[in-house]
Amino acid sequence: MPPLKPFAAAATTLRSRITSSLRTRGSGGGPSRWATPGHEEHPKGFAYNSTPPPPGESRKWEDWELPCYITSFLTIVILGVGLNAKPDLTIETWAHQKALERLQLEEAQSAESD
């Protein structure tokens, strides 16, 4: 059986690195990636950190919004129509059609023999 000292040393090293990174992540005292100079210290509390327009005015759409909404709507319509119009190629449908054909052949043969 191999000695467990290397595993214990590796576990201790990993544990110390993880705990030190957890301690410095939230409020480490140094410059943070999210609160660098030039960014606001406290957000305004609105969606996407933008203030709503004054009462009576509507929000201006950005350049990407109309093409995105039109493309999304057309995608849903095309998929809805296309998936509903696709042919039924399941094995159950094929077997049902073959069974109906056999029944018609048997009926035709029994009618001829009578």
PDB file of N, CA and C in Angstrom:
ATOM      1  N   MET A   1       0.846  -1.177   0.000  1.00  0.00           N
ATOM      2  CA  MET A   1       0.000   0.000   0.000  1.00  0.00           C
ATOM      3  C   MET A   1       0.894   1.245   0.000  1.00  0.00           C
ATOM      4  N   PRO A   2       0.645   2.232  -0.893  1.00  0.00           N
ATOM      5  CA  PRO A   2       1.507   3.411  -0.968  1.00  0.00           C
ATOM      6  C   PRO A   2       1.308   4.297   0.261  1.00  0.00           C
ATOM      7  N   PRO A   3       2.338   5.043   0.605  1.00  0.00           N
ATOM      8  CA  PRO A   3       2.204   5.937   1.759  1.00  0.00           C
ATOM      9  C   PRO A   3       1.208   7.058   1.464  1.00  0.00           C
ATOM     10  N   LEU A   4       0.494   7.515   2.480  1.00  0.00           N
ATOM     11  CA  LEU A   4      -0.542   8.525   2.307  1.00  0.00           C
ATOM     12  C   LEU A   4      -0.021   9.947   2.482  1.00  0.00           C
ATOM     13  N   LYS A   5       1.259  10.112   2.746  1.00  0.00           N
ATOM     14  CA  LYS A   5       1.800  11.454   2.979  1.00  0.00           C
ATOM     15  C   LYS A   5       1.652  12.374   1.765  1.00  0.00           C
ATOM     16  N   PRO A   6       1.937  11.916   0.524  1.00  0.00           N
ATOM     17  CA  PRO A   6       1.762  12.834  -0.612  1.00  0.00           C
ATOM     18  C   PRO A   6       0.312  13.288  -0.772  1.00  0.00           C
ATOM     19  N   PHE A   7      -0.643  12.376  -0.539  1.00  0.00           N
ATOM     20  CA  PHE A   7      -2.051  12.747  -0.667  1.00  0.00           C
ATOM     21  C   PHE A   7      -2.445  13.744   0.412  1.00  0.00           C
ATOM     22  N   ALA A   8      -1.954  13.542   1.617  1.00  0.00           N
ATOM     23  CA  ALA A   8      -2.269  14.453   2.713  1.00  0.00           C
ATOM     24  C   ALA A   8      -1.670  15.828   2.448  1.00  0.00           C
ATOM     25  N   ALA A   9      -0.473  15.858   1.898  1.00  0.00           N
ATOM     26  CA  ALA A   9       0.160  17.144   1.596  1.00  0.00           C
ATOM     27  C   ALA A   9      -0.602  17.871   0.492  1.00  0.00           C
ATOM     28  N   ALA A  10      -1.018  17.140  -0.518  1.00  0.00           N
ATOM     29  CA  ALA A  10      -1.786  17.756  -1.611  1.00  0.00           C
ATOM     30  C   ALA A  10      -3.123  18.275  -1.103  1.00  0.00           C
ATOM     31  N   ALA A  11      -3.786  17.508  -0.238  1.00  0.00           N
ATOM     32  CA  ALA A  11      -5.064  17.940   0.313  1.00  0.00           C
ATOM     33  C   ALA A  11      -4.904  19.191   1.149  1.00  0.00           C
ATOM     34  N   THR A  12      -3.835  19.259   1.933  1.00  0.00           N
ATOM     35  CA  THR A  12      -3.583  20.444   2.755  1.00  0.00           C
ATOM     36  C   THR A  12      -3.324  21.666   1.883  1.00  0.00           C
ATOM     37  N   THR A  13      -2.548  21.491   0.822  1.00  0.00           N
ATOM     38  CA  THR A  13      -2.269  22.608  -0.089  1.00  0.00           C
ATOM     39  C   THR A  13      -3.542  23.102  -0.759  1.00  0.00           C
ATOM     40  N   LEU A  14      -4.353  22.181  -1.251  1.00  0.00           N
ATOM     41  CA  LEU A  14      -5.609  22.576  -1.887  1.00  0.00           C
ATOM     42  C   LEU A  14      -6.531  23.272  -0.904  1.00  0.00           C
ATOM     43  N   ARG A  15      -6.640  22.744   0.284  1.00  0.00           N
ATOM     44  CA  ARG A  15      -7.515  23.330   1.296  1.00  0.00           C
ATOM     45  C   ARG A  15      -7.082  24.751   1.626  1.00  0.00           C
ATOM     46  N   SER A  16      -5.772  24.975   1.760  1.00  0.00           N
ATOM     47  CA  SER A  16      -5.296  26.320   2.098  1.00  0.00           C
ATOM     48  C   SER A  16      -5.544  27.294   0.946  1.00  0.00           C
ATOM     49  N   ARG A  17      -5.372  26.838  -0.289  1.00  0.00           N
ATOM     50  CA  ARG A  17      -5.625  27.727  -1.430  1.00  0.00           C
ATOM     51  C   ARG A  17      -7.100  28.070  -1.559  1.00  0.00           C
ATOM     52  N   ILE A  18      -7.957  27.086  -1.344  1.00  0.00           N
ATOM     53  CA  ILE A  18      -9.397  27.333  -1.475  1.00  0.00           C
ATOM     54  C   ILE A  18      -9.870  28.274  -0.378  1.00  0.00           C
ATOM     55  N   THR A  19      -9.471  28.032   0.854  1.00  0.00           N
ATOM     56  CA  THR A  19      -9.942  28.889   1.939  1.00  0.00           C
ATOM     57  C   THR A  19      -9.397  30.299   1.814  1.00  0.00           C
ATOM     58  N   SER A  20      -8.179  30.472   1.335  1.00  0.00           N
ATOM     59  CA  SER A  20      -7.648  31.829   1.183  1.00  0.00           C
ATOM     60  C   SER A  20      -8.385  32.569   0.072  1.00  0.00           C
ATOM     61  N   SER A  21      -8.743  31.871  -0.994  1.00  0.00           N
ATOM     62  CA  SER A  21      -9.464  32.547  -2.074  1.00  0.00           C
ATOM     63  C   SER A  21     -10.883  32.870  -1.653  1.00  0.00           C
ATOM     64  N   LEU A  22     -11.493  32.038  -0.825  1.00  0.00           N
ATOM     65  CA  LEU A  22     -12.838  32.336  -0.352  1.00  0.00           C
ATOM     66  C   LEU A  22     -12.833  33.538   0.590  1.00  0.00           C
ATOM     67  N   ARG A  23     -11.790  33.681   1.378  1.00  0.00           N
ATOM     68  CA  ARG A  23     -11.725  34.795   2.305  1.00  0.00           C
ATOM     69  C   ARG A  23     -11.559  36.119   1.572  1.00  0.00           C
ATOM     70  N   THR A  24     -10.809  36.138   0.481  1.00  0.00           N
ATOM     71  CA  THR A  24     -10.536  37.404  -0.195  1.00  0.00           C
ATOM     72  C   THR A  24     -11.548  37.732  -1.273  1.00  0.00           C
ATOM     73  N   ARG A  25     -12.470  36.850  -1.563  1.00  0.00           N
ATOM     74  CA  ARG A  25     -13.368  37.086  -2.678  1.00  0.00           C
ATOM     75  C   ARG A  25     -14.365  38.206  -2.403  1.00  0.00           C
ATOM     76  N   GLY A  26     -15.098  38.142  -1.308  1.00  0.00           N
ATOM     77  CA  GLY A  26     -16.180  39.102  -1.082  1.00  0.00           C
ATOM     78  C   GLY A  26     -15.690  40.494  -0.772  1.00  0.00           C
ATOM     79  N   SER A  27     -14.999  40.677   0.312  1.00  0.00           N
ATOM     80  CA  SER A  27     -14.523  42.010   0.687  1.00  0.00           C
ATOM     81  C   SER A  27     -13.061  41.897   1.070  1.00  0.00           C
ATOM     82  N   GLY A  28     -12.225  41.734   0.102  1.00  0.00           N
ATOM     83  CA  GLY A  28     -10.816  41.552   0.352  1.00  0.00           C
ATOM     84  C   GLY A  28     -10.091  42.844   0.673  1.00  0.00           C
ATOM     85  N   GLY A  29     -10.733  43.971   0.486  1.00  0.00           N
ATOM     86  CA  GLY A  29     -10.103  45.232   0.787  1.00  0.00           C
ATOM     87  C   GLY A  29      -9.389  45.835  -0.414  1.00  0.00           C
ATOM     88  N   GLY A  30      -8.987  45.035  -1.355  1.00  0.00           N
ATOM     89  CA  GLY A  30      -8.288  45.540  -2.528  1.00  0.00           C
ATOM     90  C   GLY A  30      -9.263  45.919  -3.623  1.00  0.00           C
ATOM     91  N   PRO A  31      -8.724  46.336  -4.768  1.00  0.00           N
ATOM     92  CA  PRO A  31      -9.622  46.697  -5.871  1.00  0.00           C
ATOM     93  C   PRO A  31     -10.369  45.464  -6.369  1.00  0.00           C
ATOM     94  N   SER A  32     -11.635  45.649  -6.589  1.00  0.00           N
ATOM     95  CA  SER A  32     -12.474  44.554  -7.044  1.00  0.00           C
ATOM     96  C   SER A  32     -12.711  44.693  -8.530  1.00  0.00           C
ATOM     97  N   ARG A  33     -12.977  43.582  -9.151  1.00  0.00           N
ATOM     98  CA  ARG A  33     -13.256  43.583 -10.578  1.00  0.00           C
ATOM     99  C   ARG A  33     -14.580  44.280 -10.857  1.00  0.00           C
ATOM    100  N   TRP A  34     -15.495  44.248  -9.906  1.00  0.00           N
ATOM    101  CA  TRP A  34     -16.832  44.806 -10.122  1.00  0.00           C
ATOM    102  C   TRP A  34     -16.935  46.241  -9.628  1.00  0.00           C
ATOM    103  N   ALA A  35     -16.021  46.708  -8.830  1.00  0.00           N
ATOM    104  CA  ALA A  35     -16.100  48.060  -8.301  1.00  0.00           C
ATOM    105  C   ALA A  35     -14.814  48.811  -8.595  1.00  0.00           C
ATOM    106  N   THR A  36     -14.368  48.762  -9.827  1.00  0.00           N
ATOM    107  CA  THR A  36     -13.160  49.481 -10.199  1.00  0.00           C
ATOM    108  C   THR A  36     -13.483  50.961 -10.316  1.00  0.00           C
ATOM    109  N   PRO A  37     -12.488  51.822 -10.237  1.00  0.00           N
ATOM    110  CA  PRO A  37     -12.765  53.244 -10.398  1.00  0.00           C
ATOM    111  C   PRO A  37     -13.405  53.509 -11.757  1.00  0.00           C
ATOM    112  N   GLY A  38     -14.415  54.366 -11.751  1.00  0.00           N
ATOM    113  CA  GLY A  38     -15.145  54.653 -12.982  1.00  0.00           C
ATOM    114  C   GLY A  38     -16.486  53.955 -13.013  1.00  0.00           C
ATOM    115  N   HIS A  39     -16.676  52.978 -12.162  1.00  0.00           N
ATOM    116  CA  HIS A  39     -17.972  52.328 -12.042  1.00  0.00           C
ATOM    117  C   HIS A  39     -18.671  52.865 -10.808  1.00  0.00           C
ATOM    118  N   GLU A  40     -19.974  52.757 -10.802  1.00  0.00           N
ATOM    119  CA  GLU A  40     -20.718  53.247  -9.653  1.00  0.00           C
ATOM    120  C   GLU A  40     -20.521  52.333  -8.461  1.00  0.00           C
ATOM    121  N   GLU A  41     -20.477  52.931  -7.290  1.00  0.00           N
ATOM    122  CA  GLU A  41     -20.370  52.132  -6.079  1.00  0.00           C
ATOM    123  C   GLU A  41     -21.703  51.464  -5.758  1.00  0.00           C
ATOM    124  N   HIS A  42     -22.789  52.210  -5.882  1.00  0.00           N
ATOM    125  CA  HIS A  42     -24.111  51.675  -5.570  1.00  0.00           C
ATOM    126  C   HIS A  42     -24.979  51.786  -6.816  1.00  0.00           C
ATOM    127  N   PRO A  43     -25.556  50.681  -7.295  1.00  0.00           N
ATOM    128  CA  PRO A  43     -26.420  50.770  -8.480  1.00  0.00           C
ATOM    129  C   PRO A  43     -27.692  51.553  -8.177  1.00  0.00           C
ATOM    130  N   LYS A  44     -28.323  52.019  -9.227  1.00  0.00           N
ATOM    131  CA  LYS A  44     -29.525  52.841  -9.078  1.00  0.00           C
ATOM    132  C   LYS A  44     -30.750  52.028  -8.678  1.00  0.00           C
ATOM    133  N   GLY A  45     -30.711  50.727  -8.889  1.00  0.00           N
ATOM    134  CA  GLY A  45     -31.848  49.899  -8.518  1.00  0.00           C
ATOM    135  C   GLY A  45     -32.805  49.631  -9.664  1.00  0.00           C
ATOM    136  N   PHE A  46     -32.492  50.058 -10.870  1.00  0.00           N
ATOM    137  CA  PHE A  46     -33.345  49.821 -12.020  1.00  0.00           C
ATOM    138  C   PHE A  46     -32.741  48.722 -12.884  1.00  0.00           C
ATOM    139  N   ALA A  47     -33.554  48.157 -13.756  1.00  0.00           N
ATOM    140  CA  ALA A  47     -33.081  47.101 -14.643  1.00  0.00           C
ATOM    141  C   ALA A  47     -31.980  47.642 -15.549  1.00  0.00           C
ATOM    142  N   TYR A  48     -30.909  46.905 -15.663  1.00  0.00           N
ATOM    143  CA  TYR A  48     -29.757  47.240 -16.498  1.00  0.00           C
ATOM    144  C   TYR A  48     -29.135  48.571 -16.095  1.00  0.00           C
ATOM    145  N   ASN A  49     -29.393  49.018 -14.866  1.00  0.00           N
ATOM    146  CA  ASN A  49     -28.777  50.213 -14.300  1.00  0.00           C
ATOM    147  C   ASN A  49     -29.088  51.463 -15.119  1.00  0.00           C
ATOM    148  N   SER A  50     -30.284  51.516 -15.707  1.00  0.00           N
ATOM    149  CA  SER A  50     -30.674  52.699 -16.470  1.00  0.00           C
ATOM    150  C   SER A  50     -31.968  53.257 -15.870  1.00  0.00           C
ATOM    151  N   THR A  51     -32.045  54.568 -15.824  1.00  0.00           N
ATOM    152  CA  THR A  51     -33.226  55.201 -15.234  1.00  0.00           C
ATOM    153  C   THR A  51     -34.388  55.131 -16.220  1.00  0.00           C
ATOM    154  N   PRO A  52     -35.610  55.006 -15.731  1.00  0.00           N
ATOM    155  CA  PRO A  52     -36.767  54.967 -16.638  1.00  0.00           C
ATOM    156  C   PRO A  52     -37.019  56.360 -17.229  1.00  0.00           C
ATOM    157  N   PRO A  53     -37.699  56.408 -18.389  1.00  0.00           N
ATOM    158  CA  PRO A  53     -37.983  57.719 -18.992  1.00  0.00           C
ATOM    159  C   PRO A  53     -38.980  58.493 -18.131  1.00  0.00           C
ATOM    160  N   PRO A  54     -39.045  59.791 -18.315  1.00  0.00           N
ATOM    161  CA  PRO A  54     -40.013  60.587 -17.552  1.00  0.00           C
ATOM    162  C   PRO A  54     -41.439  60.159 -17.881  1.00  0.00           C
ATOM    163  N   PRO A  55     -42.385  60.431 -17.003  1.00  0.00           N
ATOM    164  CA  PRO A  55     -43.780  60.041 -17.265  1.00  0.00           C
ATOM    165  C   PRO A  55     -44.297  60.676 -18.549  1.00  0.00           C
ATOM    166  N   GLY A  56     -45.005  59.860 -19.322  1.00  0.00           N
ATOM    167  CA  GLY A  56     -45.559  60.329 -20.587  1.00  0.00           C
ATOM    168  C   GLY A  56     -44.678  60.043 -21.786  1.00  0.00           C
ATOM    169  N   GLU A  57     -43.439  59.683 -21.574  1.00  0.00           N
ATOM    170  CA  GLU A  57     -42.532  59.368 -22.676  1.00  0.00           C
ATOM    171  C   GLU A  57     -42.291  57.872 -22.712  1.00  0.00           C
ATOM    172  N   SER A  58     -42.142  57.338 -23.922  1.00  0.00           N
ATOM    173  CA  SER A  58     -41.839  55.915 -24.042  1.00  0.00           C
ATOM    174  C   SER A  58     -40.338  55.730 -24.230  1.00  0.00           C
ATOM    175  N   ARG A  59     -39.884  54.567 -23.891  1.00  0.00           N
ATOM    176  CA  ARG A  59     -38.464  54.264 -23.997  1.00  0.00           C
ATOM    177  C   ARG A  59     -38.087  54.111 -25.470  1.00  0.00           C
ATOM    178  N   LYS A  60     -36.940  54.655 -25.855  1.00  0.00           N
ATOM    179  CA  LYS A  60     -36.471  54.506 -27.233  1.00  0.00           C
ATOM    180  C   LYS A  60     -35.875  53.123 -27.404  1.00  0.00           C
ATOM    181  N   TRP A  61     -36.241  52.473 -28.498  1.00  0.00           N
ATOM    182  CA  TRP A  61     -35.694  51.157 -28.788  1.00  0.00           C
ATOM    183  C   TRP A  61     -34.258  51.306 -29.273  1.00  0.00           C
ATOM    184  N   GLU A  62     -33.455  50.319 -28.942  1.00  0.00           N
ATOM    185  CA  GLU A  62     -32.091  50.308 -29.457  1.00  0.00           C
ATOM    186  C   GLU A  62     -32.099  49.664 -30.842  1.00  0.00           C
ATOM    187  N   ASP A  63     -30.977  49.789 -31.545  1.00  0.00           N
ATOM    188  CA  ASP A  63     -30.909  49.338 -32.941  1.00  0.00           C
ATOM    189  C   ASP A  63     -31.129  47.844 -33.095  1.00  0.00           C
ATOM    190  N   TRP A  64     -30.731  47.051 -32.127  1.00  0.00           N
ATOM    191  CA  TRP A  64     -30.789  45.604 -32.255  1.00  0.00           C
ATOM    192  C   TRP A  64     -32.166  45.038 -31.898  1.00  0.00           C
ATOM    193  N   GLU A  65     -33.028  45.808 -31.245  1.00  0.00           N
ATOM    194  CA  GLU A  65     -34.255  45.236 -30.696  1.00  0.00           C
ATOM    195  C   GLU A  65     -35.267  44.828 -31.765  1.00  0.00           C
ATOM    196  N   LEU A  66     -35.573  45.686 -32.718  1.00  0.00           N
ATOM    197  CA  LEU A  66     -36.573  45.358 -33.734  1.00  0.00           C
ATOM    198  C   LEU A  66     -36.184  44.134 -34.563  1.00  0.00           C
ATOM    199  N   PRO A  67     -34.951  44.058 -35.107  1.00  0.00           N
ATOM    200  CA  PRO A  67     -34.589  42.842 -35.848  1.00  0.00           C
ATOM    201  C   PRO A  67     -34.629  41.587 -34.977  1.00  0.00           C
ATOM    202  N   CYS A  68     -34.262  41.722 -33.719  1.00  0.00           N
ATOM    203  CA  CYS A  68     -34.272  40.563 -32.821  1.00  0.00           C
ATOM    204  C   CYS A  68     -35.700  40.079 -32.588  1.00  0.00           C
ATOM    205  N   TYR A  69     -36.635  41.009 -32.340  1.00  0.00           N
ATOM    206  CA  TYR A  69     -38.028  40.621 -32.093  1.00  0.00           C
ATOM    207  C   TYR A  69     -38.671  40.035 -33.354  1.00  0.00           C
ATOM    208  N   ILE A  70     -38.400  40.635 -34.504  1.00  0.00           N
ATOM    209  CA  ILE A  70     -38.975  40.123 -35.760  1.00  0.00           C
ATOM    210  C   ILE A  70     -38.435  38.728 -36.054  1.00  0.00           C
ATOM    211  N   THR A  71     -37.138  38.533 -35.897  1.00  0.00           N
ATOM    212  CA  THR A  71     -36.528  37.228 -36.152  1.00  0.00           C
ATOM    213  C   THR A  71     -37.067  36.172 -35.192  1.00  0.00           C
ATOM    214  N   SER A  72     -37.216  36.529 -33.936  1.00  0.00           N
ATOM    215  CA  SER A  72     -37.751  35.568 -32.961  1.00  0.00           C
ATOM    216  C   SER A  72     -39.180  35.175 -33.310  1.00  0.00           C
ATOM    217  N   PHE A  73     -40.020  36.145 -33.659  1.00  0.00           N
ATOM    218  CA  PHE A  73     -41.403  35.850 -34.014  1.00  0.00           C
ATOM    219  C   PHE A  73     -41.477  34.970 -35.256  1.00  0.00           C
ATOM    220  N   LEU A  74     -40.703  35.303 -36.285  1.00  0.00           N
ATOM    221  CA  LEU A  74     -40.732  34.507 -37.512  1.00  0.00           C
ATOM    222  C   LEU A  74     -40.198  33.095 -37.277  1.00  0.00           C
ATOM    223  N   THR A  75     -39.220  32.956 -36.421  1.00  0.00           N
ATOM    224  CA  THR A  75     -38.693  31.625 -36.101  1.00  0.00           C
ATOM    225  C   THR A  75     -39.768  30.767 -35.458  1.00  0.00           C
ATOM    226  N   ILE A  76     -40.496  31.343 -34.522  1.00  0.00           N
ATOM    227  CA  ILE A  76     -41.564  30.590 -33.854  1.00  0.00           C
ATOM    228  C   ILE A  76     -42.653  30.208 -34.846  1.00  0.00           C
ATOM    229  N   VAL A  77     -43.037  31.124 -35.727  1.00  0.00           N
ATOM    230  CA  VAL A  77     -44.082  30.828 -36.721  1.00  0.00           C
ATOM    231  C   VAL A  77     -43.614  29.741 -37.687  1.00  0.00           C
ATOM    232  N   ILE A  78     -42.394  29.869 -38.207  1.00  0.00           N
ATOM    233  CA  ILE A  78     -41.886  28.888 -39.170  1.00  0.00           C
ATOM    234  C   ILE A  78     -41.765  27.516 -38.525  1.00  0.00           C
ATOM    235  N   LEU A  79     -41.255  27.448 -37.302  1.00  0.00           N
ATOM    236  CA  LEU A  79     -41.142  26.159 -36.622  1.00  0.00           C
ATOM    237  C   LEU A  79     -42.517  25.574 -36.316  1.00  0.00           C
ATOM    238  N   GLY A  80     -43.456  26.415 -35.900  1.00  0.00           N
ATOM    239  CA  GLY A  80     -44.802  25.916 -35.601  1.00  0.00           C
ATOM    240  C   GLY A  80     -45.474  25.339 -36.827  1.00  0.00           C
ATOM    241  N   VAL A  81     -45.408  26.041 -37.943  1.00  0.00           N
ATOM    242  CA  VAL A  81     -46.035  25.547 -39.175  1.00  0.00           C
ATOM    243  C   VAL A  81     -45.273  24.345 -39.713  1.00  0.00           C
ATOM    244  N   GLY A  82     -43.957  24.439 -39.721  1.00  0.00           N
ATOM    245  CA  GLY A  82     -43.152  23.360 -40.285  1.00  0.00           C
ATOM    246  C   GLY A  82     -43.259  22.068 -39.509  1.00  0.00           C
ATOM    247  N   LEU A  83     -43.246  22.150 -38.190  1.00  0.00           N
ATOM    248  CA  LEU A  83     -43.325  20.929 -37.390  1.00  0.00           C
ATOM    249  C   LEU A  83     -44.723  20.309 -37.414  1.00  0.00           C
ATOM    250  N   ASN A  84     -45.748  21.145 -37.605  1.00  0.00           N
ATOM    251  CA  ASN A  84     -47.091  20.588 -37.702  1.00  0.00           C
ATOM    252  C   ASN A  84     -47.375  20.003 -39.077  1.00  0.00           C
ATOM    253  N   ALA A  85     -46.666  20.451 -40.112  1.00  0.00           N
ATOM    254  CA  ALA A  85     -46.918  19.982 -41.467  1.00  0.00           C
ATOM    255  C   ALA A  85     -46.002  18.837 -41.878  1.00  0.00           C
ATOM    256  N   LYS A  86     -45.096  18.411 -41.022  1.00  0.00           N
ATOM    257  CA  LYS A  86     -44.176  17.348 -41.422  1.00  0.00           C
ATOM    258  C   LYS A  86     -44.932  16.022 -41.539  1.00  0.00           C
ATOM    259  N   PRO A  87     -44.491  15.150 -42.399  1.00  0.00           N
ATOM    260  CA  PRO A  87     -45.186  13.879 -42.573  1.00  0.00           C
ATOM    261  C   PRO A  87     -45.011  12.975 -41.359  1.00  0.00           C
ATOM    262  N   ASP A  88     -46.014  12.131 -41.139  1.00  0.00           N
ATOM    263  CA  ASP A  88     -45.971  11.197 -40.017  1.00  0.00           C
ATOM    264  C   ASP A  88     -45.214   9.952 -40.472  1.00  0.00           C
ATOM    265  N   LEU A  89     -44.010   9.774 -40.017  1.00  0.00           N
ATOM    266  CA  LEU A  89     -43.166   8.661 -40.437  1.00  0.00           C
ATOM    267  C   LEU A  89     -42.896   7.685 -39.293  1.00  0.00           C
ATOM    268  N   THR A  90     -43.816   7.585 -38.355  1.00  0.00           N
ATOM    269  CA  THR A  90     -43.602   6.672 -37.233  1.00  0.00           C
ATOM    270  C   THR A  90     -43.868   5.239 -37.663  1.00  0.00           C
ATOM    271  N   ILE A  91     -43.302   4.311 -36.937  1.00  0.00           N
ATOM    272  CA  ILE A  91     -43.479   2.893 -37.261  1.00  0.00           C
ATOM    273  C   ILE A  91     -44.926   2.455 -37.040  1.00  0.00           C
ATOM    274  N   GLU A  92     -45.595   3.078 -36.074  1.00  0.00           N
ATOM    275  CA  GLU A  92     -46.984   2.718 -35.809  1.00  0.00           C
ATOM    276  C   GLU A  92     -47.893   3.073 -36.993  1.00  0.00           C
ATOM    277  N   THR A  93     -47.670   4.233 -37.595  1.00  0.00           N
ATOM    278  CA  THR A  93     -48.474   4.645 -38.746  1.00  0.00           C
ATOM    279  C   THR A  93     -48.219   3.725 -39.933  1.00  0.00           C
ATOM    280  N   TRP A  94     -46.960   3.374 -40.160  1.00  0.00           N
ATOM    281  CA  TRP A  94     -46.632   2.474 -41.257  1.00  0.00           C
ATOM    282  C   TRP A  94     -47.287   1.109 -41.050  1.00  0.00           C
ATOM    283  N   ALA A  95     -47.213   0.587 -39.824  1.00  0.00           N
ATOM    284  CA  ALA A  95     -47.798  -0.718 -39.537  1.00  0.00           C
ATOM    285  C   ALA A  95     -49.310  -0.669 -39.675  1.00  0.00           C
ATOM    286  N   HIS A  96     -49.932   0.423 -39.259  1.00  0.00           N
ATOM    287  CA  HIS A  96     -51.379   0.553 -39.399  1.00  0.00           C
ATOM    288  C   HIS A  96     -51.790   0.554 -40.873  1.00  0.00           C
ATOM    289  N   GLN A  97     -51.050   1.271 -41.705  1.00  0.00           N
ATOM    290  CA  GLN A  97     -51.364   1.296 -43.139  1.00  0.00           C
ATOM    291  C   GLN A  97     -51.188  -0.091 -43.763  1.00  0.00           C
ATOM    292  N   LYS A  98     -50.132  -0.807 -43.388  1.00  0.00           N
ATOM    293  CA  LYS A  98     -49.917  -2.153 -43.923  1.00  0.00           C
ATOM    294  C   LYS A  98     -51.023  -3.098 -43.476  1.00  0.00           C
ATOM    295  N   ALA A  99     -51.461  -2.960 -42.234  1.00  0.00           N
ATOM    296  CA  ALA A  99     -52.549  -3.820 -41.744  1.00  0.00           C
ATOM    297  C   ALA A  99     -53.840  -3.539 -42.504  1.00  0.00           C
ATOM    298  N   LEU A 100     -54.124  -2.286 -42.773  1.00  0.00           N
ATOM    299  CA  LEU A 100     -55.321  -1.947 -43.543  1.00  0.00           C
ATOM    300  C   LEU A 100     -55.239  -2.507 -44.965  1.00  0.00           C
ATOM    301  N   GLU A 101     -54.057  -2.437 -45.573  1.00  0.00           N
ATOM    302  CA  GLU A 101     -53.884  -3.001 -46.917  1.00  0.00           C
ATOM    303  C   GLU A 101     -54.126  -4.513 -46.912  1.00  0.00           C
ATOM    304  N   ARG A 102     -53.604  -5.205 -45.904  1.00  0.00           N
ATOM    305  CA  ARG A 102     -53.808  -6.656 -45.814  1.00  0.00           C
ATOM    306  C   ARG A 102     -55.279  -6.997 -45.618  1.00  0.00           C
ATOM    307  N   LEU A 103     -55.955  -6.215 -44.783  1.00  0.00           N
ATOM    308  CA  LEU A 103     -57.386  -6.465 -44.581  1.00  0.00           C
ATOM    309  C   LEU A 103     -58.165  -6.269 -45.873  1.00  0.00           C
ATOM    310  N   GLN A 104     -57.828  -5.246 -46.646  1.00  0.00           N
ATOM    311  CA  GLN A 104     -58.517  -5.017 -47.917  1.00  0.00           C
ATOM    312  C   GLN A 104     -58.243  -6.166 -48.892  1.00  0.00           C
ATOM    313  N   LEU A 105     -56.983  -6.673 -48.917  1.00  0.00           N
ATOM    314  CA  LEU A 105     -56.663  -7.808 -49.783  1.00  0.00           C
ATOM    315  C   LEU A 105     -57.446  -9.054 -49.364  1.00  0.00           C
ATOM    316  N   GLU A 106     -57.538  -9.298 -48.054  1.00  0.00           N
ATOM    317  CA  GLU A 106     -58.286 -10.459 -47.572  1.00  0.00           C
ATOM    318  C   GLU A 106     -59.777 -10.340 -47.911  1.00  0.00           C
ATOM    319  N   GLU A 107     -60.327  -9.143 -47.779  1.00  0.00           N
ATOM    320  CA  GLU A 107     -61.739  -8.933 -48.123  1.00  0.00           C
ATOM    321  C   GLU A 107     -61.973  -9.131 -49.616  1.00  0.00           C
ATOM    322  N   ALA A 108     -61.012  -8.647 -50.413  1.00  0.00           N
ATOM    323  CA  ALA A 108     -61.170  -8.804 -51.867  1.00  0.00           C
ATOM    324  C   ALA A 108     -61.071 -10.274 -52.265  1.00  0.00           C
ATOM    325  N   GLN A 109     -60.163 -11.041 -51.627  1.00  0.00           N
ATOM    326  CA  GLN A 109     -60.031 -12.452 -51.935  1.00  0.00           C
ATOM    327  C   GLN A 109     -61.254 -13.239 -51.464  1.00  0.00           C
ATOM    328  N   SER A 110     -61.792 -12.865 -50.297  1.00  0.00           N
ATOM    329  CA  SER A 110     -62.980 -13.590 -49.803  1.00  0.00           C
ATOM    330  C   SER A 110     -64.194 -13.247 -50.659  1.00  0.00           C
ATOM    331  N   ALA A 111     -64.272 -12.036 -51.207  1.00  0.00           N
ATOM    332  CA  ALA A 111     -65.384 -11.667 -52.068  1.00  0.00           C
ATOM    333  C   ALA A 111     -65.288 -12.396 -53.421  1.00  0.00           C
ATOM    334  N   GLU A 112     -64.075 -12.640 -53.914  1.00  0.00           N
ATOM    335  CA  GLU A 112     -63.890 -13.352 -55.163  1.00  0.00           C
ATOM    336  C   GLU A 112     -64.229 -14.828 -55.018  1.00  0.00           C
ATOM    337  N   SER A 113     -63.912 -15.381 -53.847  1.00  0.00           N
ATOM    338  CA  SER A 113     -64.153 -16.815 -53.658  1.00  0.00           C
ATOM    339  C   SER A 113     -65.644 -17.109 -53.410  1.00  0.00           C
ATOM    340  N   ASP A 114     -66.405 -16.121 -53.007  1.00  0.00           N
ATOM    341  CA  ASP A 114     -67.852 -16.349 -52.796  1.00  0.00           C
ATOM    342  C   ASP A 114     -68.590 -16.383 -54.052  1.00  0.00           C
TER     343      ASP A 114
END
